[in-house]
Amino acid sequence: GGRNLEAVKIIDRFNFENITTKIVTDDGSVGIKENTVEMLKKVLKENKIDIIYTCGPQGMMEAVAKVAQSNDIRCQISLEERMACGIKACVGCSILTKKGMKKVCYDGPVFESTDIVGLDITDPNGGSC
């Protein structure tokens, strides 16, 4: 999903053979006019999902992680941080996790959503990560 056609243009480069996809854009220029999180909620009502992978803007990833948590589904987030060195030599891409400071360039970029400290994924049912 994305805001518009330009945001999802990259999908032309992928082979979706044998993969069920739902394409959504905020403006409806491609696929269904809907945001990614709302589509995810619909997909979860119709299907059993074991894990969710997400990347994109932090607000969207937080919303996806909340939906995953409220449905007791594992969620992995691909973080995009500025990486000054890319080889674990500096601390430019460090994030705080429940397992201590981690470097996105070396330890990631994919992390369990429940391990990231400071990610706003408070469970709508009252709990939090």
N, C-alpha and C. Protein backbone atom coordinates (compact mmCIF):
# COMPACT_ATOMS: atom_id res chain seq x y z
N GLY A 1 0.81 -1.19 0.00
CA GLY A 1 0.00 0.00 0.00
C GLY A 1 0.86 1.25 0.00
N GLY A 2 0.24 2.34 -0.38
CA GLY A 2 0.91 3.63 -0.40
C GLY A 2 -0.08 4.74 -0.61
N ARG A 3 0.45 5.96 -0.65
CA ARG A 3 -0.43 7.12 -0.83
C ARG A 3 -1.07 7.17 -2.22
N ASN A 4 -0.26 6.79 -3.25
CA ASN A 4 -0.73 6.91 -4.62
C ASN A 4 0.07 6.00 -5.54
N LEU A 5 -0.17 6.11 -6.83
CA LEU A 5 0.52 5.30 -7.83
C LEU A 5 2.03 5.39 -7.71
N GLU A 6 2.55 6.58 -7.56
CA GLU A 6 4.01 6.76 -7.44
C GLU A 6 4.58 5.97 -6.27
N ALA A 7 3.85 5.92 -5.16
CA ALA A 7 4.35 5.25 -3.96
C ALA A 7 4.40 3.73 -4.10
N VAL A 8 3.61 3.17 -4.99
CA VAL A 8 3.58 1.71 -5.13
C VAL A 8 4.11 1.24 -6.49
N LYS A 9 4.71 2.13 -7.23
CA LYS A 9 5.23 1.80 -8.56
C LYS A 9 6.20 0.62 -8.54
N ILE A 10 6.90 0.45 -7.45
CA ILE A 10 7.90 -0.62 -7.33
C ILE A 10 7.28 -2.01 -7.47
N ILE A 11 5.98 -2.14 -7.24
CA ILE A 11 5.37 -3.47 -7.31
C ILE A 11 5.49 -4.08 -8.70
N ASP A 12 5.71 -3.26 -9.71
CA ASP A 12 5.90 -3.77 -11.07
C ASP A 12 7.14 -4.65 -11.18
N ARG A 13 8.07 -4.52 -10.25
CA ARG A 13 9.33 -5.27 -10.29
C ARG A 13 9.24 -6.64 -9.61
N PHE A 14 8.12 -6.94 -8.98
CA PHE A 14 7.98 -8.17 -8.22
C PHE A 14 7.18 -9.22 -8.97
N ASN A 15 7.52 -10.47 -8.73
CA ASN A 15 6.78 -11.59 -9.28
C ASN A 15 5.83 -12.07 -8.18
N PHE A 16 4.55 -11.91 -8.37
CA PHE A 16 3.56 -12.29 -7.37
C PHE A 16 2.89 -13.63 -7.70
N GLU A 17 3.53 -14.43 -8.54
CA GLU A 17 2.98 -15.73 -8.89
C GLU A 17 2.82 -16.57 -7.63
N ASN A 18 1.64 -17.14 -7.46
CA ASN A 18 1.29 -17.98 -6.30
C ASN A 18 1.27 -17.22 -4.97
N ILE A 19 1.16 -15.90 -5.03
CA ILE A 19 1.08 -15.08 -3.82
C ILE A 19 -0.19 -14.23 -3.91
N THR A 20 -1.02 -14.32 -2.90
CA THR A 20 -2.21 -13.47 -2.85
C THR A 20 -1.80 -12.08 -2.41
N THR A 21 -2.15 -11.09 -3.19
CA THR A 21 -1.79 -9.71 -2.86
C THR A 21 -3.03 -8.84 -2.81
N LYS A 22 -2.94 -7.83 -2.00
CA LYS A 22 -3.98 -6.80 -1.91
C LYS A 22 -3.26 -5.47 -2.09
N ILE A 23 -3.55 -4.78 -3.15
CA ILE A 23 -2.92 -3.49 -3.42
C ILE A 23 -3.90 -2.39 -3.00
N VAL A 24 -3.42 -1.47 -2.17
CA VAL A 24 -4.25 -0.37 -1.71
C VAL A 24 -3.48 0.95 -1.85
N THR A 25 -4.22 2.01 -2.16
CA THR A 25 -3.65 3.35 -2.16
C THR A 25 -4.64 4.29 -1.49
N ASP A 26 -4.10 5.28 -0.81
CA ASP A 26 -4.95 6.25 -0.11
C ASP A 26 -5.89 6.97 -1.07
N ASP A 27 -5.40 7.23 -2.29
CA ASP A 27 -6.22 7.99 -3.23
C ASP A 27 -6.97 7.10 -4.24
N GLY A 28 -6.75 5.79 -4.18
CA GLY A 28 -7.46 4.88 -5.09
C GLY A 28 -6.90 4.84 -6.49
N SER A 29 -5.73 5.45 -6.73
CA SER A 29 -5.16 5.47 -8.07
C SER A 29 -4.69 4.08 -8.53
N VAL A 30 -4.42 3.18 -7.58
CA VAL A 30 -4.07 1.80 -7.88
C VAL A 30 -4.75 0.93 -6.85
N GLY A 31 -5.29 -0.18 -7.28
CA GLY A 31 -5.92 -1.10 -6.34
C GLY A 31 -7.15 -0.51 -5.68
N ILE A 32 -7.31 -0.85 -4.41
CA ILE A 32 -8.47 -0.42 -3.63
C ILE A 32 -8.17 0.87 -2.91
N LYS A 33 -9.14 1.78 -2.84
CA LYS A 33 -8.96 3.03 -2.12
C LYS A 33 -9.16 2.76 -0.63
N GLU A 34 -8.03 2.60 0.06
CA GLU A 34 -8.05 2.24 1.47
C GLU A 34 -6.62 2.34 1.98
N ASN A 35 -6.45 2.45 3.30
CA ASN A 35 -5.08 2.43 3.80
C ASN A 35 -4.66 1.01 4.17
N THR A 36 -3.39 0.82 4.29
CA THR A 36 -2.81 -0.50 4.52
C THR A 36 -3.34 -1.16 5.79
N VAL A 37 -3.46 -0.39 6.85
CA VAL A 37 -3.89 -0.94 8.14
C VAL A 37 -5.33 -1.42 8.08
N GLU A 38 -6.19 -0.68 7.43
CA GLU A 38 -7.59 -1.11 7.31
C GLU A 38 -7.69 -2.38 6.47
N MET A 39 -6.90 -2.47 5.42
CA MET A 39 -6.88 -3.70 4.62
C MET A 39 -6.36 -4.87 5.45
N LEU A 40 -5.33 -4.64 6.24
CA LEU A 40 -4.80 -5.69 7.09
C LEU A 40 -5.88 -6.23 8.03
N LYS A 41 -6.66 -5.35 8.62
CA LYS A 41 -7.74 -5.78 9.52
C LYS A 41 -8.74 -6.68 8.79
N LYS A 42 -9.07 -6.32 7.55
CA LYS A 42 -10.00 -7.14 6.75
C LYS A 42 -9.39 -8.50 6.44
N VAL A 43 -8.13 -8.51 6.06
CA VAL A 43 -7.45 -9.76 5.73
C VAL A 43 -7.42 -10.68 6.95
N LEU A 44 -7.18 -10.11 8.13
CA LEU A 44 -7.12 -10.92 9.34
C LEU A 44 -8.47 -11.51 9.73
N LYS A 45 -9.55 -10.83 9.36
CA LYS A 45 -10.89 -11.37 9.64
C LYS A 45 -11.19 -12.58 8.77
N GLU A 46 -10.58 -12.62 7.58
CA GLU A 46 -10.88 -13.67 6.60
C GLU A 46 -9.85 -14.79 6.57
N ASN A 47 -8.67 -14.58 7.18
CA ASN A 47 -7.57 -15.54 7.04
C ASN A 47 -6.83 -15.73 8.36
N LYS A 48 -6.24 -16.91 8.51
CA LYS A 48 -5.36 -17.16 9.64
C LYS A 48 -3.95 -16.78 9.20
N ILE A 49 -3.35 -15.86 9.89
CA ILE A 49 -2.02 -15.37 9.56
C ILE A 49 -1.08 -15.71 10.71
N ASP A 50 0.10 -16.24 10.39
CA ASP A 50 1.07 -16.62 11.41
C ASP A 50 2.04 -15.50 11.76
N ILE A 51 2.39 -14.69 10.78
CA ILE A 51 3.37 -13.61 11.01
C ILE A 51 3.10 -12.48 10.04
N ILE A 52 3.39 -11.27 10.48
CA ILE A 52 3.23 -10.08 9.65
C ILE A 52 4.60 -9.43 9.53
N TYR A 53 4.97 -9.07 8.30
CA TYR A 53 6.20 -8.32 8.04
C TYR A 53 5.79 -6.93 7.57
N THR A 54 6.42 -5.90 8.11
CA THR A 54 6.06 -4.56 7.70
C THR A 54 7.29 -3.68 7.53
N CYS A 55 7.18 -2.76 6.59
CA CYS A 55 8.19 -1.72 6.40
C CYS A 55 7.43 -0.49 5.91
N GLY A 56 8.06 0.65 6.04
CA GLY A 56 7.42 1.87 5.60
C GLY A 56 7.51 2.96 6.64
N PRO A 57 6.61 3.92 6.58
CA PRO A 57 6.62 5.01 7.54
C PRO A 57 6.39 4.49 8.97
N GLN A 58 7.07 5.10 9.95
CA GLN A 58 6.98 4.61 11.32
C GLN A 58 5.55 4.57 11.84
N GLY A 59 4.75 5.57 11.56
CA GLY A 59 3.37 5.58 12.04
C GLY A 59 2.57 4.40 11.52
N MET A 60 2.78 4.07 10.26
CA MET A 60 2.08 2.92 9.68
C MET A 60 2.57 1.62 10.31
N MET A 61 3.88 1.51 10.50
CA MET A 61 4.42 0.29 11.11
C MET A 61 3.92 0.13 12.54
N GLU A 62 3.83 1.22 13.28
CA GLU A 62 3.29 1.15 14.63
C GLU A 62 1.84 0.68 14.61
N ALA A 63 1.07 1.18 13.67
CA ALA A 63 -0.34 0.77 13.55
C ALA A 63 -0.44 -0.70 13.18
N VAL A 64 0.40 -1.17 12.28
CA VAL A 64 0.41 -2.59 11.91
C VAL A 64 0.79 -3.44 13.12
N ALA A 65 1.79 -3.01 13.87
CA ALA A 65 2.22 -3.75 15.06
C ALA A 65 1.11 -3.81 16.10
N LYS A 66 0.35 -2.74 16.26
CA LYS A 66 -0.79 -2.74 17.19
C LYS A 66 -1.83 -3.77 16.77
N VAL A 67 -2.13 -3.80 15.49
CA VAL A 67 -3.11 -4.77 14.98
C VAL A 67 -2.59 -6.18 15.20
N ALA A 68 -1.32 -6.40 14.92
CA ALA A 68 -0.72 -7.72 15.14
C ALA A 68 -0.82 -8.12 16.60
N GLN A 69 -0.45 -7.22 17.48
CA GLN A 69 -0.47 -7.51 18.91
C GLN A 69 -1.89 -7.81 19.39
N SER A 70 -2.84 -7.02 18.95
CA SER A 70 -4.22 -7.23 19.41
C SER A 70 -4.82 -8.52 18.86
N ASN A 71 -4.20 -9.08 17.81
CA ASN A 71 -4.65 -10.35 17.25
C ASN A 71 -3.70 -11.50 17.61
N ASP A 72 -2.76 -11.23 18.51
CA ASP A 72 -1.79 -12.23 18.97
C ASP A 72 -1.02 -12.85 17.80
N ILE A 73 -0.53 -11.98 16.91
CA ILE A 73 0.23 -12.41 15.75
C ILE A 73 1.62 -11.81 15.83
N ARG A 74 2.61 -12.62 15.60
CA ARG A 74 4.00 -12.15 15.58
C ARG A 74 4.16 -11.12 14.46
N CYS A 75 4.96 -10.07 14.73
CA CYS A 75 5.15 -9.00 13.75
C CYS A 75 6.61 -8.61 13.72
N GLN A 76 7.18 -8.56 12.52
CA GLN A 76 8.54 -8.11 12.34
C GLN A 76 8.55 -6.81 11.55
N ILE A 77 9.37 -5.88 12.03
CA ILE A 77 9.44 -4.54 11.44
C ILE A 77 10.82 -4.33 10.83
N SER A 78 10.85 -3.85 9.61
CA SER A 78 12.10 -3.50 8.96
C SER A 78 12.32 -2.01 9.14
N LEU A 79 13.33 -1.67 9.92
CA LEU A 79 13.60 -0.27 10.25
C LEU A 79 14.50 0.38 9.21
N GLU A 80 14.26 1.65 9.01
CA GLU A 80 15.10 2.45 8.13
C GLU A 80 15.71 3.55 8.98
N GLU A 81 16.97 3.42 9.27
CA GLU A 81 17.69 4.43 10.05
C GLU A 81 18.85 4.92 9.21
N ARG A 82 19.30 6.13 9.48
CA ARG A 82 20.50 6.63 8.81
C ARG A 82 21.68 5.78 9.29
N MET A 83 22.44 5.28 8.35
CA MET A 83 23.57 4.42 8.68
C MET A 83 24.84 5.09 8.20
N ALA A 84 25.53 5.76 9.12
CA ALA A 84 26.73 6.50 8.75
C ALA A 84 27.84 5.58 8.24
N CYS A 85 28.02 4.43 8.90
CA CYS A 85 29.11 3.55 8.48
C CYS A 85 28.61 2.26 7.84
N GLY A 86 27.52 1.70 8.36
CA GLY A 86 26.97 0.46 7.83
C GLY A 86 27.72 -0.80 8.23
N ILE A 87 28.72 -0.66 9.12
CA ILE A 87 29.53 -1.83 9.52
C ILE A 87 29.68 -1.96 11.04
N LYS A 88 28.78 -1.36 11.81
CA LYS A 88 28.76 -1.46 13.27
C LYS A 88 29.87 -0.67 13.95
N ALA A 89 30.55 0.21 13.24
CA ALA A 89 31.66 0.96 13.82
C ALA A 89 31.20 2.20 14.59
N CYS A 90 30.09 2.78 14.20
CA CYS A 90 29.62 3.98 14.89
C CYS A 90 28.30 3.66 15.61
N VAL A 91 27.65 4.65 16.13
CA VAL A 91 26.38 4.42 16.82
C VAL A 91 25.23 5.17 16.14
N GLY A 92 25.44 5.55 14.90
CA GLY A 92 24.46 6.37 14.19
C GLY A 92 23.10 5.73 14.01
N CYS A 93 23.04 4.41 13.95
CA CYS A 93 21.77 3.74 13.70
C CYS A 93 21.30 2.93 14.90
N SER A 94 21.81 3.24 16.08
CA SER A 94 21.46 2.48 17.28
C SER A 94 20.01 2.72 17.70
N ILE A 95 19.36 1.65 18.15
CA ILE A 95 18.01 1.74 18.70
C ILE A 95 17.98 0.99 20.03
N LEU A 96 17.08 1.37 20.89
CA LEU A 96 16.93 0.70 22.17
C LEU A 96 15.92 -0.44 22.03
N THR A 97 16.35 -1.63 22.44
CA THR A 97 15.46 -2.79 22.42
C THR A 97 15.41 -3.38 23.83
N LYS A 98 14.52 -4.30 24.04
CA LYS A 98 14.44 -4.98 25.33
C LYS A 98 15.70 -5.79 25.61
N LYS A 99 16.50 -6.03 24.59
CA LYS A 99 17.75 -6.77 24.73
C LYS A 99 18.95 -5.84 24.73
N GLY A 100 18.71 -4.54 24.98
CA GLY A 100 19.78 -3.54 24.99
C GLY A 100 19.85 -2.77 23.69
N MET A 101 20.90 -1.97 23.57
CA MET A 101 21.09 -1.19 22.36
C MET A 101 21.47 -2.11 21.20
N LYS A 102 20.84 -1.90 20.07
CA LYS A 102 21.12 -2.68 18.87
C LYS A 102 21.39 -1.71 17.72
N LYS A 103 22.21 -2.15 16.79
CA LYS A 103 22.52 -1.33 15.61
C LYS A 103 21.73 -1.88 14.42
N VAL A 104 20.96 -1.01 13.81
CA VAL A 104 20.11 -1.41 12.70
C VAL A 104 20.95 -1.99 11.56
N CYS A 105 22.13 -1.43 11.33
CA CYS A 105 22.97 -1.89 10.21
C CYS A 105 23.54 -3.28 10.46
N TYR A 106 23.71 -3.67 11.70
CA TYR A 106 24.36 -4.94 12.00
C TYR A 106 23.38 -5.97 12.57
N ASP A 107 22.59 -5.56 13.54
CA ASP A 107 21.66 -6.46 14.21
C ASP A 107 20.33 -6.57 13.48
N GLY A 108 20.06 -5.67 12.58
CA GLY A 108 18.80 -5.62 11.86
C GLY A 108 19.05 -5.71 10.37
N PRO A 109 18.24 -5.10 9.58
CA PRO A 109 17.29 -4.05 9.94
C PRO A 109 15.94 -4.56 10.44
N VAL A 110 15.75 -5.89 10.47
CA VAL A 110 14.45 -6.45 10.87
C VAL A 110 14.50 -6.82 12.34
N PHE A 111 13.47 -6.36 13.08
CA PHE A 111 13.35 -6.63 14.51
C PHE A 111 11.93 -7.06 14.83
N GLU A 112 11.80 -7.84 15.89
CA GLU A 112 10.47 -8.17 16.41
C GLU A 112 9.84 -6.88 16.92
N SER A 113 8.59 -6.64 16.58
CA SER A 113 7.94 -5.40 17.00
C SER A 113 7.88 -5.28 18.52
N THR A 114 7.75 -6.40 19.21
CA THR A 114 7.63 -6.37 20.67
C THR A 114 8.97 -6.14 21.36
N ASP A 115 10.07 -6.21 20.63
CA ASP A 115 11.39 -5.97 21.22
C ASP A 115 11.82 -4.51 21.18
N ILE A 116 11.22 -3.72 20.32
CA ILE A 116 11.66 -2.34 20.14
C ILE A 116 11.08 -1.46 21.24
N VAL A 117 11.95 -0.82 22.01
CA VAL A 117 11.52 0.08 23.07
C VAL A 117 11.24 1.45 22.45
N GLY A 118 10.13 2.04 22.84
CA GLY A 118 9.78 3.35 22.32
C GLY A 118 8.84 3.31 21.12
N LEU A 119 8.63 2.13 20.58
CA LEU A 119 7.66 1.98 19.50
C LEU A 119 6.29 2.01 20.13
N ASP A 120 5.41 2.87 19.68
CA ASP A 120 4.10 3.00 20.29
C ASP A 120 3.18 1.91 19.79
N ILE A 121 3.22 0.77 20.48
CA ILE A 121 2.34 -0.32 20.10
C ILE A 121 1.51 -0.77 21.29
N THR A 122 0.97 0.22 21.99
CA THR A 122 0.09 -0.09 23.10
C THR A 122 -1.11 -0.84 22.61
N ASP A 123 -1.40 -1.93 23.26
CA ASP A 123 -2.54 -2.76 22.89
C ASP A 123 -3.83 -1.99 23.17
N PRO A 124 -4.74 -1.90 22.20
CA PRO A 124 -6.00 -1.21 22.42
C PRO A 124 -6.81 -1.83 23.56
N ASN A 125 -6.48 -3.08 23.93
CA ASN A 125 -7.20 -3.74 25.01
C ASN A 125 -6.57 -3.46 26.38
N GLY A 126 -5.59 -2.55 26.43
CA GLY A 126 -5.05 -2.14 27.71
C GLY A 126 -3.62 -2.52 27.99
N GLY A 127 -3.07 -3.53 27.34
CA GLY A 127 -1.71 -3.93 27.61
C GLY A 127 -0.73 -3.13 26.76
N SER A 128 0.54 -3.34 27.00
CA SER A 128 1.54 -2.71 26.15
C SER A 128 2.76 -3.59 26.08
N CYS A 129 3.59 -3.32 25.10
CA CYS A 129 4.80 -4.12 24.93
C CYS A 129 5.89 -3.59 25.85
